[in-house]
Amino acid sequence: MKRSTRTPLKQRPDDGAVPVRLYGLRRGTTTFLTLVCAAFAVFILAPLVWLLINATKTQAGVYAGPGFWFSKPFRLFQNLADLGKDISGAGVYLHWMQNTLVYAVAGAIGATALSALAGYGFSRFRFRGANSLFYLVMATLLVPITALALPLFLVYAKVGLVNSIWGMILPSMVSPVGIYLMRTFIDASVPQDMIAAARIDGAGELRIFFRIALPLCLPGLVTVLLLSVVAIWNNYFLPLIIFSRNDLYPLTVGLSSLSQAAETGTQAQLVPVLIAGGLVTVVPLIVLFLFLERYFRGGALRGSLTG
């Protein structure tokens, strides 16, 4: 009887794992880096845990009990239900959530599309002043938003974008970081040989962009989309400037109005409702990241030049 020569499953090498010894790191260094990563994870997750625990309390429990432990009575569902009520006199949480979704989806899709077009242009076209124009776009990152507050409001007032959803969406579609990421990703992921071969075969530039470049840039597109959604979702300064109507507020400005009402003490049990609102605000971003995380995997060009 012939013996099987197959390697047992536990002894087979994992093609996706690189042994730590190949990095030249000692065991002590690896342990230290692991502890640093664990400390960083605790630092990041501690506010989320605090939100989750304190969203279950009453207002007295928030101030009297320990911050990182539960207390009775358990009021999580009551606090979540109160989010749908106009308890602050400043607006309804669900309406602010709807506004934020509109701003984030429209702005992020527009920012991703424009960043892909601009990044492809800077990466694959050579024209006079290309580098200077790219550096000028990157230089806008050095300008603080507070310095642009007054000019931005005056311009918005002239063109009628004050208290308009387009006043929030249009600026969100311009992303210098997205342009930089897409240019870098296209440089690394879209071979010049493929584009040259497509041009020789008679393909137009738009067809090359949509049929060749974009499929290879999917991880980069998802990265820009995620960064844009997070930036718009957390944007506080821009809507604070352009919106004076509470029915146009996003969650950031709406929750700020709730916090001001909580500080004045005019509304009973408002603090735990505010905490529950902060918890619900974070959940969509976590779900979105978990859903799109698989698109970050490498290997987009595996086999693209062979076959």
Protein backbone atom coordinates (compact mmCIF):
# COMPACT_ATOMS: atom_id res chain seq x y z
CA MET A 1 0.00 0.00 0.00
CA LYS A 2 1.43 3.33 -1.08
CA ARG A 3 1.78 6.00 1.60
CA SER A 4 0.30 9.40 1.07
CA THR A 5 2.93 12.10 0.48
CA ARG A 6 0.62 15.02 1.17
CA THR A 7 1.73 17.45 3.85
CA PRO A 8 -0.56 17.49 6.90
CA LEU A 9 -2.81 20.53 7.06
CA LYS A 10 -1.17 21.90 10.21
CA GLN A 11 2.30 21.65 8.65
CA ARG A 12 1.50 23.38 5.40
CA PRO A 13 3.08 26.82 5.07
CA ASP A 14 0.75 29.78 5.04
CA ASP A 15 1.40 31.70 1.83
CA GLY A 16 -0.02 34.90 3.25
CA ALA A 17 2.00 34.91 6.48
CA VAL A 18 5.58 36.10 6.77
CA PRO A 19 7.58 34.71 9.71
CA VAL A 20 8.63 37.37 12.18
CA ARG A 21 12.25 36.18 12.07
CA LEU A 22 12.49 37.29 8.43
CA TYR A 23 12.01 40.91 9.54
CA GLY A 24 15.15 40.68 11.68
CA LEU A 25 13.25 41.50 14.89
CA ARG A 26 14.11 40.01 18.23
CA ARG A 27 11.46 38.44 20.43
CA GLY A 28 11.73 41.26 22.95
CA THR A 29 11.17 43.87 20.23
CA THR A 30 8.13 42.00 18.98
CA THR A 31 6.69 41.83 22.50
CA PHE A 32 7.28 45.54 23.01
CA LEU A 33 5.58 46.45 19.72
CA THR A 34 2.66 44.19 20.61
CA LEU A 35 2.24 45.98 23.93
CA VAL A 36 2.38 49.36 22.21
CA CYS A 37 -0.32 48.27 19.75
CA ALA A 38 -2.44 46.96 22.61
CA ALA A 39 -2.08 50.26 24.49
CA PHE A 40 -3.03 52.16 21.35
CA ALA A 41 -6.09 49.92 20.89
CA VAL A 42 -7.17 50.60 24.48
CA PHE A 43 -6.72 54.33 23.91
CA ILE A 44 -8.92 54.19 20.80
CA LEU A 45 -11.60 51.85 22.18
CA ALA A 46 -11.95 53.42 25.64
CA PRO A 47 -14.22 56.30 24.48
CA LEU A 48 -16.46 53.83 22.62
CA VAL A 49 -16.74 51.63 25.69
CA TRP A 50 -17.55 54.70 27.80
CA LEU A 51 -20.29 55.71 25.35
CA LEU A 52 -21.78 52.22 25.35
CA ILE A 53 -21.84 51.97 29.15
CA ASN A 54 -23.11 55.45 29.93
CA ALA A 55 -25.80 55.30 27.24
CA THR A 56 -27.53 52.76 29.50
CA LYS A 57 -27.73 55.07 32.54
CA THR A 58 -29.93 57.80 33.86
CA GLN A 59 -28.57 61.32 34.24
CA ALA A 60 -27.95 60.73 37.95
CA GLY A 61 -26.14 57.50 37.15
CA VAL A 62 -23.85 59.25 34.66
CA TYR A 63 -22.62 61.72 37.29
CA ALA A 64 -22.75 59.51 40.38
CA GLY A 65 -21.67 56.07 39.20
CA PRO A 66 -18.29 54.92 37.86
CA GLY A 67 -17.75 55.88 34.25
CA PHE A 68 -16.68 52.44 33.06
CA TRP A 69 -19.29 50.33 34.82
CA PHE A 70 -23.04 49.86 34.52
CA SER A 71 -25.61 51.08 37.01
CA LYS A 72 -29.33 50.62 37.52
CA PRO A 73 -31.84 51.30 36.10
CA PHE A 74 -30.97 50.11 32.58
CA ARG A 75 -32.24 52.86 30.25
CA LEU A 76 -30.50 52.19 26.94
CA PHE A 77 -33.67 51.57 24.96
CA GLN A 78 -35.45 54.51 26.58
CA ASN A 79 -32.54 56.81 25.75
CA LEU A 80 -32.51 55.57 22.16
CA ALA A 81 -36.25 56.14 21.90
CA ASP A 82 -35.83 59.68 23.20
CA LEU A 83 -33.53 60.44 20.26
CA GLY A 84 -36.59 60.54 18.01
CA LYS A 85 -38.27 63.20 20.11
CA ASP A 86 -37.82 66.95 19.94
CA ILE A 87 -36.64 67.05 23.53
CA SER A 88 -34.19 69.93 23.12
CA GLY A 89 -36.29 72.37 21.15
CA ALA A 90 -33.45 72.52 18.60
CA GLY A 91 -34.37 69.75 16.20
CA VAL A 92 -34.91 66.03 15.87
CA TYR A 93 -32.00 63.60 15.98
CA LEU A 94 -33.35 61.38 13.21
CA HIS A 95 -33.65 64.39 10.92
CA TRP A 96 -30.05 65.34 11.67
CA MET A 97 -29.03 61.77 10.87
CA GLN A 98 -30.81 61.99 7.53
CA ASN A 99 -29.06 65.27 6.73
CA THR A 100 -25.69 63.78 7.61
CA LEU A 101 -26.31 60.75 5.38
CA VAL A 102 -27.20 63.00 2.45
CA TYR A 103 -24.14 65.20 2.93
CA ALA A 104 -21.77 62.26 3.45
CA VAL A 105 -23.01 60.09 0.57
CA ALA A 106 -23.24 62.87 -2.01
CA GLY A 107 -20.00 64.54 -0.96
CA ALA A 108 -18.00 61.31 -0.67
CA ILE A 109 -19.12 59.98 -4.07
CA GLY A 110 -18.31 63.30 -5.69
CA ALA A 111 -14.94 63.54 -3.93
CA THR A 112 -14.03 59.99 -4.98
CA ALA A 113 -14.98 60.61 -8.61
CA LEU A 114 -13.13 63.92 -8.85
CA SER A 115 -10.10 62.54 -7.02
CA ALA A 116 -9.93 59.57 -9.40
CA LEU A 117 -10.11 61.83 -12.46
CA ALA A 118 -7.58 64.32 -11.12
CA GLY A 119 -5.24 61.62 -9.84
CA TYR A 120 -5.31 59.82 -13.18
CA GLY A 121 -4.62 63.08 -15.00
CA PHE A 122 -1.66 63.99 -12.80
CA SER A 123 -0.31 60.44 -12.99
CA ARG A 124 -0.64 59.55 -16.65
CA PHE A 125 -0.56 62.87 -18.53
CA ARG A 126 2.49 65.07 -18.90
CA PHE A 127 1.81 68.74 -19.57
CA ARG A 128 3.52 72.02 -18.83
CA GLY A 129 3.11 73.03 -15.21
CA ALA A 130 1.72 69.66 -14.09
CA ASN A 131 3.98 69.39 -11.05
CA SER A 132 3.46 73.04 -10.09
CA LEU A 133 -0.31 72.60 -10.30
CA PHE A 134 -0.13 69.44 -8.21
CA TYR A 135 1.99 71.15 -5.56
CA LEU A 136 -0.47 74.05 -5.53
CA VAL A 137 -3.32 71.64 -4.83
CA MET A 138 -1.33 70.05 -2.01
CA ALA A 139 -0.48 73.48 -0.60
CA THR A 140 -4.15 74.04 0.20
CA LEU A 141 -3.73 71.51 3.01
CA LEU A 142 -1.52 74.04 4.82
CA VAL A 143 -4.26 76.68 4.99
CA PRO A 144 -6.26 76.44 8.25
CA ILE A 145 -10.02 76.38 7.82
CA THR A 146 -10.41 79.15 10.42
CA ALA A 147 -8.55 81.53 8.10
CA LEU A 148 -11.11 80.86 5.38
CA ALA A 149 -14.20 81.20 7.54
CA LEU A 150 -15.03 84.84 6.80
CA PRO A 151 -14.14 84.78 3.06
CA LEU A 152 -16.07 81.54 2.66
CA PHE A 153 -19.18 82.95 4.29
CA LEU A 154 -19.03 86.13 2.18
CA VAL A 155 -18.67 84.13 -1.02
CA TYR A 156 -21.52 81.84 -0.01
CA ALA A 157 -23.71 84.85 0.74
CA LYS A 158 -23.00 86.28 -2.73
CA VAL A 159 -23.88 83.06 -4.61
CA GLY A 160 -26.82 82.06 -2.40
CA LEU A 161 -25.32 78.97 -0.78
CA VAL A 162 -26.01 80.00 2.82
CA ASN A 163 -28.62 77.65 4.31
CA SER A 164 -28.37 75.44 1.23
CA ILE A 165 -27.43 71.75 1.17
CA TRP A 166 -25.18 72.47 -1.82
CA GLY A 167 -23.14 74.76 0.37
CA MET A 168 -22.21 71.64 2.34
CA ILE A 169 -21.91 69.17 -0.54
CA LEU A 170 -19.88 71.15 -3.09
CA PRO A 171 -16.87 71.96 -0.86
CA SER A 172 -16.88 68.36 0.39
CA MET A 173 -16.33 67.12 -3.16
CA VAL A 174 -12.88 68.76 -3.29
CA SER A 175 -10.34 66.53 -1.56
CA PRO A 176 -6.62 67.31 -1.94
CA VAL A 177 -5.81 64.23 0.16
CA GLY A 178 -7.92 62.11 -2.19
CA ILE A 179 -6.12 63.49 -5.23
CA TYR A 180 -2.75 62.71 -3.68
CA LEU A 181 -3.80 59.17 -2.74
CA MET A 182 -5.25 58.43 -6.17
CA ARG A 183 -2.18 59.74 -7.98
CA THR A 184 0.08 57.65 -5.78
CA PHE A 185 -2.08 54.55 -6.15
CA ILE A 186 -2.36 54.89 -9.93
CA ASP A 187 1.42 55.32 -10.21
CA ALA A 188 1.88 52.03 -8.36
CA SER A 189 -1.06 50.00 -9.68
CA VAL A 190 -1.73 50.96 -13.29
CA PRO A 191 1.19 49.91 -15.55
CA GLN A 192 2.14 52.24 -18.36
CA ASP A 193 2.47 49.22 -20.67
CA MET A 194 -1.22 48.41 -20.34
CA ILE A 195 -2.25 51.97 -21.16
CA ALA A 196 0.15 52.15 -24.09
CA ALA A 197 -1.15 48.83 -25.45
CA ALA A 198 -4.74 50.03 -25.13
CA ARG A 199 -3.91 53.25 -27.00
CA ILE A 200 -2.23 51.27 -29.78
CA ASP A 201 -5.39 49.15 -30.07
CA GLY A 202 -7.39 52.36 -30.59
CA ALA A 203 -9.05 52.73 -27.19
CA GLY A 204 -9.99 56.26 -26.20
CA GLU A 205 -8.85 57.90 -22.99
CA LEU A 206 -12.24 57.65 -21.32
CA ARG A 207 -12.49 53.95 -22.18
CA ILE A 208 -8.99 53.35 -20.83
CA PHE A 209 -9.89 55.18 -17.64
CA PHE A 210 -13.16 53.36 -17.00
CA ARG A 211 -12.27 49.89 -18.33
CA ILE A 212 -8.62 49.57 -17.25
CA ALA A 213 -7.59 52.14 -14.63
CA LEU A 214 -10.65 52.11 -12.38
CA PRO A 215 -10.86 48.30 -11.90
CA LEU A 216 -7.21 48.24 -10.90
CA CYS A 217 -7.71 51.17 -8.52
CA LEU A 218 -10.58 49.69 -6.51
CA PRO A 219 -8.65 49.61 -3.19
CA GLY A 220 -7.59 53.21 -3.71
CA LEU A 221 -11.14 54.28 -4.56
CA VAL A 222 -12.48 52.61 -1.43
CA THR A 223 -9.79 54.30 0.68
CA VAL A 224 -10.68 57.75 -0.67
CA LEU A 225 -14.39 57.00 -0.22
CA LEU A 226 -13.93 55.99 3.41
CA LEU A 227 -11.74 58.99 4.23
CA SER A 228 -14.24 61.33 2.56
CA VAL A 229 -17.21 59.85 4.40
CA VAL A 230 -15.43 60.14 7.75
CA ALA A 231 -14.30 63.72 7.03
CA ILE A 232 -17.80 64.86 6.03
CA TRP A 233 -19.46 62.91 8.84
CA ASN A 234 -17.24 64.60 11.43
CA ASN A 235 -17.24 68.05 9.81
CA TYR A 236 -18.35 70.64 12.35
CA PHE A 237 -16.87 73.96 11.30
CA LEU A 238 -18.33 74.22 7.77
CA PRO A 239 -22.00 73.52 8.67
CA LEU A 240 -21.67 75.76 11.71
CA ILE A 241 -20.76 78.64 9.38
CA ILE A 242 -23.28 78.15 6.58
CA PHE A 243 -26.34 76.83 8.45
CA SER A 244 -28.52 78.92 10.72
CA ARG A 245 -31.58 76.68 10.37
CA ASN A 246 -31.67 73.67 12.67
CA ASP A 247 -33.54 71.56 10.09
CA LEU A 248 -30.35 71.60 7.97
CA TYR A 249 -27.97 70.67 10.79
CA PRO A 250 -25.84 67.54 10.52
CA LEU A 251 -25.26 65.38 13.57
CA THR A 252 -22.17 67.28 14.68
CA VAL A 253 -23.91 70.63 14.98
CA GLY A 254 -27.15 69.05 16.18
CA LEU A 255 -25.48 67.18 19.02
CA SER A 256 -23.65 70.38 19.91
CA SER A 257 -27.01 72.11 20.36
CA LEU A 258 -28.09 69.22 22.57
CA SER A 259 -24.95 69.57 24.67
CA GLN A 260 -25.62 73.28 25.14
CA ALA A 261 -29.13 72.47 26.35
CA ALA A 262 -27.67 69.87 28.70
CA GLU A 263 -25.22 72.40 30.16
CA THR A 264 -27.99 74.87 30.94
CA GLY A 265 -29.93 72.15 32.77
CA THR A 266 -33.24 73.15 31.21
CA GLN A 267 -34.06 69.62 30.08
CA ALA A 268 -34.26 66.63 32.44
CA GLN A 269 -32.41 63.43 31.56
CA LEU A 270 -30.78 65.08 28.52
CA VAL A 271 -27.19 63.98 29.20
CA PRO A 272 -27.73 60.21 28.73
CA VAL A 273 -29.75 60.92 25.58
CA LEU A 274 -26.86 62.97 24.26
CA ILE A 275 -24.47 60.11 25.04
CA ALA A 276 -26.77 57.64 23.27
CA GLY A 277 -26.81 59.97 20.28
CA GLY A 278 -23.02 59.99 20.19
CA LEU A 279 -23.02 56.19 20.29
CA VAL A 280 -25.48 55.89 17.42
CA THR A 281 -23.46 58.44 15.44
CA VAL A 282 -20.34 56.26 15.56
CA VAL A 283 -22.07 52.98 14.60
CA PRO A 284 -22.60 53.71 10.85
CA LEU A 285 -18.91 54.51 10.37
CA ILE A 286 -17.88 51.25 12.06
CA VAL A 287 -20.33 49.24 9.93
CA LEU A 288 -19.14 50.96 6.76
CA PHE A 289 -15.51 50.22 7.54
CA LEU A 290 -16.23 46.56 8.31
CA PHE A 291 -18.18 46.23 5.07
CA LEU A 292 -15.49 47.81 2.87
CA GLU A 293 -12.45 46.41 4.68
CA ARG A 294 -12.19 43.44 2.31
CA TYR A 295 -11.49 45.79 -0.60
CA PHE A 296 -8.21 46.86 1.01
CA ARG A 297 -6.61 43.55 0.13
CA GLY A 298 -3.65 43.73 -2.19
CA GLY A 299 -2.99 41.78 -5.30
CA ALA A 300 -5.15 43.85 -7.60
CA LEU A 301 -2.56 43.53 -10.37
CA ARG A 302 -1.91 39.80 -9.85
CA GLY A 303 -1.85 38.24 -13.28
CA SER A 304 -2.86 41.44 -15.07
CA LEU A 305 0.21 41.41 -17.30
CA THR A 306 0.23 37.67 -17.99
CA GLY A 307 -1.99 35.20 -19.73
